[in-house]
Amino acid sequence: CLEKSDLSDDTKKHLTHVVEHDEAECWMMVEPVGERVATNKWTPEMFLDLYRVLHEVHTKAKLVHRDIRPSNIMQFNGRVLLIDWDCAVPVGADVEFSGGMQYAADRILGMVPYETYTASTTDDMESFVKTFFVCTAMHLQGRAIDCNRLHSGDPKKLLDEWKQIQKEEPSFRTFLFLLRQYPQDLEVSLERHVAAFKEQEPEDMIERE
């Protein structure tokens, strides 16, 4: 669906492409092959690129990724790649939960046990906001978020942790508010963080990392 959709060339640069596959043997080969982003190398600028890619996938390809999380974001030749599309479904499809639990949208974590639900682009964006905040908290807050608190396999405990993070972190609350109330302003807020990041002196960034 992605390769057949009317996505821009710039967006396609941030996606992997299947070059060979065998459905009978259940394997596929994709390119390009990226590498994981180092913990202290995440920047708001990366996520502004990803936001635009995800928005275009939602509006043009009409797909919901359903598994936005740090491990599904790679780096190749200076650009970020969004990988692992095996959970993707058309917008509005009735599905059961699939993908990583730690960064799932709150409404999905609240389904205990998991029920069939309608795939929504808003759920993707909430996972995106959670991923963005955790990965760039060093730049936003001057400190890292303890990701160990998000390692629980219990969706109810994860939901409680995200609610606690929302209470503790004003930046996270702001992004969630924009996502849920004024989604068109989310990109503007990301742009502001990119501008602020670019204005910081390299020495200052090294010291904070």
Protein backbone atom coordinates (compact mmCIF):
# COMPACT_ATOMS: atom_id res chain seq x y z
CA CYS A 1 0.00 0.00 0.00
CA LEU A 2 2.80 2.43 0.83
CA GLU A 3 4.65 1.92 -2.45
CA LYS A 4 1.45 2.23 -4.48
CA SER A 5 0.22 5.35 -2.68
CA ASP A 6 0.77 8.93 -3.80
CA LEU A 7 3.42 9.77 -1.21
CA SER A 8 5.95 12.51 -1.96
CA ASP A 9 9.53 11.58 -2.83
CA ASP A 10 10.72 13.30 0.34
CA THR A 11 8.42 11.15 2.48
CA LYS A 12 9.54 7.96 0.74
CA LYS A 13 13.12 8.75 1.75
CA HIS A 14 12.08 8.18 5.37
CA LEU A 15 10.52 4.76 4.73
CA THR A 16 12.03 1.35 4.07
CA HIS A 17 11.19 -0.50 0.86
CA VAL A 18 10.74 -4.22 0.25
CA VAL A 19 13.23 -5.43 -2.39
CA GLU A 20 12.57 -9.16 -2.10
CA HIS A 21 10.22 -11.41 -0.16
CA ASP A 22 8.93 -14.95 0.15
CA GLU A 23 5.47 -15.28 1.69
CA ALA A 24 5.73 -19.08 1.92
CA GLU A 25 8.94 -18.88 3.95
CA CYS A 26 7.76 -15.76 5.83
CA TRP A 27 10.74 -13.50 5.14
CA MET A 28 11.44 -10.24 3.37
CA MET A 29 14.45 -8.08 2.54
CA VAL A 30 14.15 -4.33 2.87
CA GLU A 31 16.33 -1.33 2.13
CA PRO A 32 17.91 0.86 3.23
CA VAL A 33 19.29 -0.83 6.33
CA GLY A 34 19.65 1.80 9.03
CA GLU A 35 21.12 1.82 12.52
CA ARG A 36 19.63 2.68 15.86
CA VAL A 37 19.82 6.27 17.05
CA ALA A 38 22.12 6.66 20.06
CA THR A 39 20.32 7.67 23.25
CA ASN A 40 21.99 11.10 23.41
CA LYS A 41 21.56 11.82 19.70
CA TRP A 42 17.79 12.21 19.50
CA THR A 43 16.75 15.73 18.46
CA PRO A 44 13.41 17.53 18.03
CA GLU A 45 14.37 18.05 14.37
CA MET A 46 14.27 14.29 13.74
CA PHE A 47 10.76 14.14 15.10
CA LEU A 48 9.57 17.09 13.04
CA ASP A 49 10.61 15.08 9.95
CA LEU A 50 8.86 12.00 11.30
CA TYR A 51 5.72 13.93 12.15
CA ARG A 52 5.45 15.13 8.55
CA VAL A 53 6.07 11.62 7.22
CA LEU A 54 3.44 10.12 9.51
CA HIS A 55 0.93 12.84 8.66
CA GLU A 56 1.35 12.16 4.94
CA VAL A 57 1.03 8.40 5.44
CA HIS A 58 -2.20 9.02 7.35
CA THR A 59 -3.71 11.41 4.80
CA LYS A 60 -2.45 9.98 1.49
CA ALA A 61 -1.83 6.28 2.08
CA LYS A 62 -4.71 6.15 4.60
CA LEU A 63 -2.75 3.81 6.86
CA VAL A 64 -2.27 3.57 10.62
CA HIS A 65 1.21 2.33 11.61
CA ARG A 66 0.11 1.07 15.08
CA ASP A 67 3.62 0.53 16.45
CA ILE A 68 5.33 3.91 16.85
CA ARG A 69 8.15 3.53 19.39
CA PRO A 70 11.88 4.31 19.64
CA SER A 71 13.03 0.89 18.41
CA ASN A 72 11.11 1.39 15.16
CA ILE A 73 12.96 4.60 14.32
CA MET A 74 16.32 4.16 12.63
CA GLN A 75 18.93 6.41 11.05
CA PHE A 76 20.49 6.18 7.57
CA ASN A 77 22.73 8.71 5.80
CA GLY A 78 21.67 11.53 8.10
CA ARG A 79 17.94 10.93 7.87
CA VAL A 80 15.53 9.06 10.12
CA LEU A 81 13.59 6.01 8.95
CA LEU A 82 10.26 4.74 10.22
CA ILE A 83 10.35 0.94 10.04
CA ASP A 84 8.30 -2.15 10.96
CA TRP A 85 5.04 -1.73 9.05
CA ASP A 86 3.76 -5.26 9.62
CA CYS A 87 1.11 -4.01 12.09
CA ALA A 88 -0.14 -1.29 9.72
CA VAL A 89 -3.81 -1.36 8.70
CA PRO A 90 -6.16 0.95 6.79
CA VAL A 91 -7.62 3.86 8.77
CA GLY A 92 -10.90 2.76 10.34
CA ALA A 93 -10.18 -0.98 10.24
CA ASP A 94 -11.49 -3.07 13.14
CA VAL A 95 -8.47 -4.78 14.67
CA GLU A 96 -7.08 -6.42 17.79
CA PHE A 97 -4.04 -4.95 19.51
CA SER A 98 -0.66 -5.63 17.94
CA GLY A 99 2.75 -4.01 18.40
CA GLY A 100 4.73 -2.68 21.34
CA MET A 101 2.74 -1.98 24.50
CA GLN A 102 5.00 0.61 26.18
CA TYR A 103 4.12 3.52 23.87
CA ALA A 104 0.56 2.56 22.96
CA ALA A 105 -2.20 5.16 23.24
CA ASP A 106 -3.90 5.43 26.62
CA ARG A 107 -7.27 4.25 25.29
CA ILE A 108 -5.64 1.04 24.02
CA LEU A 109 -3.80 0.45 27.31
CA GLY A 110 -7.17 0.84 29.03
CA MET A 111 -8.62 -2.13 27.17
CA VAL A 112 -8.07 -4.97 29.63
CA PRO A 113 -8.32 -7.57 28.27
CA TYR A 114 -7.69 -6.19 24.79
CA GLU A 115 -10.80 -5.82 22.69
CA THR A 116 -11.36 -5.23 19.00
CA TYR A 117 -11.07 -1.52 18.30
CA THR A 118 -11.15 0.85 15.33
CA ALA A 119 -7.67 1.84 14.13
CA SER A 120 -7.23 5.59 14.41
CA THR A 121 -4.55 8.02 13.27
CA THR A 122 -4.94 9.74 16.65
CA ASP A 123 -3.61 6.61 18.37
CA ASP A 124 -0.55 6.74 16.10
CA MET A 125 0.01 10.38 16.97
CA GLU A 126 -0.32 9.73 20.70
CA SER A 127 2.34 7.01 20.41
CA PHE A 128 4.42 9.50 18.42
CA VAL A 129 4.08 12.16 21.16
CA LYS A 130 5.06 9.65 23.87
CA THR A 131 8.08 8.53 21.84
CA PHE A 132 9.05 12.11 21.04
CA PHE A 133 8.88 13.20 24.64
CA VAL A 134 10.85 10.28 26.10
CA CYS A 135 13.55 10.47 23.42
CA THR A 136 14.03 14.25 23.52
CA ALA A 137 13.41 14.95 27.21
CA MET A 138 17.13 15.74 27.58
CA HIS A 139 16.67 18.66 25.20
CA LEU A 140 13.23 19.70 26.46
CA GLN A 141 13.74 19.30 30.20
CA GLY A 142 17.51 19.12 30.56
CA ARG A 143 17.29 15.57 31.91
CA ALA A 144 16.45 12.08 30.76
CA ILE A 145 13.25 10.21 31.57
CA ASP A 146 13.74 6.94 33.45
CA CYS A 147 12.54 4.45 30.84
CA ASN A 148 12.69 1.57 33.34
CA ARG A 149 9.31 2.69 34.61
CA LEU A 150 7.88 1.86 31.17
CA HIS A 151 9.11 -1.75 31.05
CA SER A 152 6.07 -3.31 32.68
CA GLY A 153 4.18 -5.90 30.68
CA ASP A 154 0.97 -4.97 32.48
CA PRO A 155 -1.06 -2.48 30.39
CA LYS A 156 -2.82 -1.13 33.48
CA LYS A 157 0.50 -0.36 35.19
CA LEU A 158 1.77 1.29 32.01
CA LEU A 159 -1.35 3.43 31.83
CA ASP A 160 -0.80 4.52 35.44
CA GLU A 161 2.84 5.37 34.67
CA TRP A 162 1.88 7.52 31.67
CA LYS A 163 -0.72 9.33 33.75
CA GLN A 164 1.94 9.97 36.39
CA ILE A 165 4.39 11.26 33.76
CA GLN A 166 1.66 13.57 32.50
CA LYS A 167 1.32 15.00 36.03
CA GLU A 168 5.08 15.41 36.46
CA GLU A 169 6.06 16.78 33.04
CA PRO A 170 4.53 20.06 31.79
CA SER A 171 5.98 19.64 28.28
CA PHE A 172 4.34 16.23 27.91
CA ARG A 173 1.00 17.65 29.07
CA THR A 174 1.30 20.43 26.50
CA PHE A 175 1.93 18.04 23.62
CA LEU A 176 -0.94 15.77 24.63
CA PHE A 177 -3.26 18.76 24.94
CA LEU A 178 -2.33 19.97 21.47
CA LEU A 179 -2.78 16.48 20.04
CA ARG A 180 -6.23 16.01 21.53
CA GLN A 181 -7.61 19.55 21.24
CA TYR A 182 -5.73 21.36 18.48
CA PRO A 183 -3.88 18.73 16.40
CA GLN A 184 -3.13 21.28 13.68
CA ASP A 185 -0.93 23.16 16.21
CA LEU A 186 1.23 20.14 17.03
CA GLU A 187 3.51 20.74 14.05
CA VAL A 188 3.90 24.41 15.03
CA SER A 189 4.97 23.40 18.54
CA LEU A 190 7.47 20.90 17.13
CA GLU A 191 8.87 23.62 14.85
CA ARG A 192 9.41 25.88 17.88
CA HIS A 193 11.35 23.16 19.67
CA VAL A 194 13.49 22.63 16.55
CA ALA A 195 14.23 26.36 16.37
CA ALA A 196 15.15 26.43 20.07
CA PHE A 197 17.35 23.38 19.64
CA LYS A 198 19.23 24.97 16.73
CA GLU A 199 19.89 28.12 18.74
CA GLN A 200 21.69 26.23 21.50
CA GLU A 201 25.46 26.29 21.50
CA PRO A 202 27.12 22.92 20.66
CA GLU A 203 29.18 23.15 23.88
CA ASP A 204 25.99 23.47 25.88
CA MET A 205 24.46 20.41 24.21
CA ILE A 206 27.56 18.32 24.87
CA GLU A 207 27.54 19.34 28.51
CA ARG A 208 23.87 18.40 28.88
CA GLU A 209 24.32 15.05 27.16
